[in-house]
């Protein structure tokens, strides 16, 4: 966030994407480890760039404090789209791992809360995580567009819940919180955790 929100303002100006940080639960114990969700809205390429820059800021902060810098990027995606990210017998997710030299995992459906989102965790070198993020976003965006054509926007937005909440690009399918750039990026040790939302 930076002092007085300075870092967020600079990121917004630099990337032309709107970056919002969820402040967490004010009722949670002060010593509790809370993951902060960063939501990025704008054109897809601007959101990806914002995520990249956020990851760089987080990495520099971790280095300055002598903390681990091998943090993951976490992306929140609506459960309806997870099957099209994993693929038949894992063929799509395995292809993403191979092509980007990253580790990609999806949280269990049993861990889902009332917001019907699943967590996609990406681990690897910063630029490789961004490559994986680009592919994941593309898959989700395509799935959203196909479902909209097939079922109509009203059916997709049932109950007022957008299909993708998170790394937010101009289409409803690209709402992002990035752990890294957040857009989508998250630290699981050391610096505060962040997650990207689609």
Protein backbone atom coordinates (compact mmCIF):
# COMPACT_ATOMS: atom_id res chain seq x y z
CA UNK A 1 0.00 0.00 0.00
CA UNK A 2 2.80 2.35 0.95
CA UNK A 3 2.70 5.38 3.23
CA UNK A 4 -0.64 7.09 2.77
CA UNK A 5 -1.38 4.80 -0.17
CA UNK A 6 1.56 6.17 -2.18
CA UNK A 7 2.64 2.82 -3.64
CA UNK A 8 -0.89 1.97 -4.77
CA UNK A 9 -1.26 5.38 -6.43
CA UNK A 10 2.05 4.96 -8.25
CA UNK A 11 1.06 1.48 -9.46
CA UNK A 12 -2.27 2.81 -10.71
CA UNK A 13 -0.59 5.63 -12.63
CA UNK A 14 2.15 3.40 -14.00
CA UNK A 15 -0.03 0.50 -15.15
CA UNK A 16 -3.38 2.25 -15.79
CA UNK A 17 -5.11 -0.41 -13.73
CA UNK A 18 -7.16 0.23 -10.60
CA UNK A 19 -5.66 -1.57 -7.61
CA UNK A 20 -7.64 -2.16 -4.41
CA UNK A 21 -6.39 -3.91 -1.27
CA UNK A 22 -8.84 -5.63 1.04
CA UNK A 23 -7.79 -4.56 4.51
CA UNK A 24 -8.73 -7.80 6.23
CA UNK A 25 -11.00 -8.58 9.14
CA UNK A 26 -10.75 -5.83 11.79
CA UNK A 27 -12.07 -8.30 14.39
CA UNK A 28 -9.27 -10.83 13.79
CA UNK A 29 -6.52 -11.11 16.43
CA UNK A 30 -3.59 -8.78 15.73
CA UNK A 31 -1.17 -11.73 15.62
CA UNK A 32 -3.31 -13.71 13.16
CA UNK A 33 -1.81 -14.27 9.69
CA UNK A 34 -4.31 -12.81 7.27
CA UNK A 35 -4.07 -13.04 3.52
CA UNK A 36 -4.96 -9.76 1.90
CA UNK A 37 -6.78 -9.90 -1.41
CA UNK A 38 -5.66 -7.38 -4.02
CA UNK A 39 -8.21 -6.71 -6.73
CA UNK A 40 -7.03 -5.24 -10.02
CA UNK A 41 -9.38 -3.78 -12.60
CA UNK A 42 -8.63 -2.56 -16.10
CA UNK A 43 -7.60 -3.89 -19.48
CA UNK A 44 -6.17 -7.43 -19.22
CA UNK A 45 -2.63 -6.41 -20.20
CA UNK A 46 -2.71 -3.55 -17.67
CA UNK A 47 -3.89 -5.93 -14.93
CA UNK A 48 -1.11 -8.38 -15.75
CA UNK A 49 1.45 -5.58 -15.63
CA UNK A 50 0.05 -4.39 -12.31
CA UNK A 51 0.37 -7.91 -10.94
CA UNK A 52 3.97 -8.05 -12.10
CA UNK A 53 4.79 -4.72 -10.45
CA UNK A 54 3.07 -5.72 -7.20
CA UNK A 55 5.09 -8.93 -7.08
CA UNK A 56 8.25 -6.88 -7.57
CA UNK A 57 7.28 -4.59 -4.69
CA UNK A 58 6.55 -7.58 -2.47
CA UNK A 59 9.83 -9.24 -3.42
CA UNK A 60 11.84 -6.07 -2.70
CA UNK A 61 10.07 -5.66 0.64
CA UNK A 62 10.82 -9.27 1.61
CA UNK A 63 14.47 -8.90 0.61
CA UNK A 64 14.85 -5.69 2.63
CA UNK A 65 13.54 -7.49 5.71
CA UNK A 66 15.59 -10.64 5.18
CA UNK A 67 12.48 -12.74 4.60
CA UNK A 68 11.94 -15.52 2.00
CA UNK A 69 11.21 -14.25 -1.50
CA UNK A 70 9.96 -17.52 -2.99
CA UNK A 71 6.34 -16.66 -2.31
CA UNK A 72 3.46 -17.98 -4.43
CA UNK A 73 0.94 -16.13 -6.55
CA UNK A 74 -2.60 -17.00 -5.50
CA UNK A 75 -5.54 -16.40 -7.80
CA UNK A 76 -9.20 -16.65 -6.83
CA UNK A 77 -11.45 -18.09 -9.54
CA UNK A 78 -15.11 -19.04 -9.55
CA UNK A 79 -15.64 -22.76 -9.08
CA UNK A 80 -17.58 -22.99 -12.36
CA UNK A 81 -14.37 -22.35 -14.33
CA UNK A 82 -11.95 -24.58 -12.45
CA UNK A 83 -12.67 -27.67 -14.57
CA UNK A 84 -11.59 -25.77 -17.67
CA UNK A 85 -8.33 -24.79 -16.00
CA UNK A 86 -7.58 -28.33 -14.82
CA UNK A 87 -8.74 -30.09 -17.99
CA UNK A 88 -9.51 -33.74 -18.61
CA UNK A 89 -7.30 -35.85 -16.34
CA UNK A 90 -5.32 -32.69 -15.58
CA UNK A 91 -4.10 -32.19 -19.16
CA UNK A 92 -4.54 -28.39 -19.19
CA UNK A 93 -3.04 -27.66 -15.78
CA UNK A 94 -0.14 -30.02 -16.55
CA UNK A 95 0.45 -28.18 -19.81
CA UNK A 96 0.52 -24.84 -17.95
CA UNK A 97 3.07 -26.24 -15.50
CA UNK A 98 5.28 -27.55 -18.29
CA UNK A 99 5.07 -24.48 -20.53
CA UNK A 100 5.78 -22.00 -17.71
CA UNK A 101 8.08 -24.11 -15.51
CA UNK A 102 5.88 -23.46 -12.50
CA UNK A 103 4.00 -25.48 -9.92
CA UNK A 104 0.23 -24.95 -10.20
CA UNK A 105 -2.29 -26.36 -7.72
CA UNK A 106 -6.01 -25.81 -7.14
CA UNK A 107 -7.62 -25.84 -3.70
CA UNK A 108 -10.05 -28.63 -2.91
CA UNK A 109 -13.75 -28.05 -3.48
CA UNK A 110 -14.13 -29.02 0.18
CA UNK A 111 -12.21 -25.88 1.17
CA UNK A 112 -14.65 -23.62 -0.63
CA UNK A 113 -16.39 -20.95 1.41
CA UNK A 114 -19.74 -19.33 0.68
CA UNK A 115 -18.21 -17.13 -2.02
CA UNK A 116 -17.84 -20.15 -4.38
CA UNK A 117 -14.25 -19.31 -5.23
CA UNK A 118 -11.31 -21.70 -5.42
CA UNK A 119 -7.67 -20.77 -4.93
CA UNK A 120 -5.19 -21.41 -7.74
CA UNK A 121 -1.65 -21.32 -6.34
CA UNK A 122 1.28 -20.71 -8.68
CA UNK A 123 4.90 -21.11 -7.56
CA UNK A 124 8.04 -20.36 -9.53
CA UNK A 125 10.21 -17.52 -10.78
CA UNK A 126 8.39 -14.19 -10.94
CA UNK A 127 8.17 -13.94 -14.74
CA UNK A 128 7.18 -17.61 -14.99
CA UNK A 129 4.34 -17.01 -12.52
CA UNK A 130 3.19 -14.08 -14.68
CA UNK A 131 3.22 -16.34 -17.77
CA UNK A 132 1.09 -18.88 -15.92
CA UNK A 133 -1.25 -16.08 -14.82
CA UNK A 134 -1.67 -14.96 -18.43
CA UNK A 135 -2.62 -18.49 -19.51
CA UNK A 136 -5.01 -18.97 -16.59
CA UNK A 137 -6.68 -15.64 -17.32
CA UNK A 138 -7.03 -16.54 -20.98
CA UNK A 139 -8.67 -19.88 -20.11
CA UNK A 140 -11.09 -18.25 -17.66
CA UNK A 141 -11.94 -15.41 -20.05
CA UNK A 142 -12.66 -17.86 -22.87
CA UNK A 143 -14.82 -20.01 -20.58
CA UNK A 144 -16.76 -16.94 -19.45
CA UNK A 145 -17.33 -15.74 -23.01
CA UNK A 146 -18.44 -19.20 -24.16
CA UNK A 147 -20.84 -19.56 -21.24
CA UNK A 148 -22.26 -16.10 -21.89
CA UNK A 149 -22.97 -17.05 -25.51
CA UNK A 150 -24.50 -20.36 -24.50
CA UNK A 151 -26.50 -19.41 -21.42
CA UNK A 152 -26.74 -15.64 -21.56
CA UNK A 153 -25.35 -13.09 -19.15
CA UNK A 154 -28.36 -13.35 -16.82
CA UNK A 155 -27.79 -17.04 -16.17
CA UNK A 156 -24.07 -16.49 -15.59
CA UNK A 157 -24.71 -13.79 -13.03
CA UNK A 158 -27.19 -15.87 -11.02
CA UNK A 159 -27.73 -14.44 -7.61
CA UNK A 160 -25.66 -11.42 -8.54
CA UNK A 161 -22.43 -13.37 -8.18
CA UNK A 162 -20.00 -12.67 -11.02
CA UNK A 163 -18.45 -15.75 -12.58
CA UNK A 164 -15.00 -14.46 -11.87
CA UNK A 165 -14.19 -12.39 -8.99
CA UNK A 166 -10.67 -11.21 -8.98
CA UNK A 167 -7.85 -9.99 -11.38
CA UNK A 168 -10.33 -7.73 -12.83
CA UNK A 169 -10.04 -6.74 -16.30
CA UNK A 170 -12.63 -4.88 -18.17
CA UNK A 171 -14.60 -8.03 -18.84
CA UNK A 172 -16.44 -9.56 -15.85
CA UNK A 173 -14.24 -12.56 -16.35
CA UNK A 174 -11.08 -10.75 -15.49
CA UNK A 175 -11.30 -9.42 -12.02
CA UNK A 176 -8.09 -9.91 -10.35
CA UNK A 177 -6.55 -9.75 -7.14
CA UNK A 178 -3.11 -10.27 -7.39
CA UNK A 179 -0.94 -11.46 -5.17
CA UNK A 180 1.59 -10.12 -6.81
CA UNK A 181 0.87 -7.62 -8.50
CA UNK A 182 -1.26 -8.50 -7.21
CA UNK A 183 -3.48 -8.66 -9.43
CA UNK A 184 -2.96 -11.42 -8.06
CA UNK A 185 -0.22 -12.50 -5.83
CA UNK A 186 0.25 -13.92 -2.44
CA UNK A 187 2.91 -14.53 0.12
CA UNK A 188 2.53 -17.48 2.41
CA UNK A 189 5.46 -16.76 4.64
CA UNK A 190 7.26 -13.65 5.60
CA UNK A 191 5.52 -10.64 4.09
CA UNK A 192 1.73 -10.37 4.33
CA UNK A 193 -0.08 -12.76 2.07
CA UNK A 194 -2.01 -11.55 -0.91
CA UNK A 195 -4.23 -13.27 -3.41
CA UNK A 196 -5.31 -12.43 -6.88
CA UNK A 197 -8.88 -12.76 -7.85
CA UNK A 198 -10.37 -13.58 -11.28
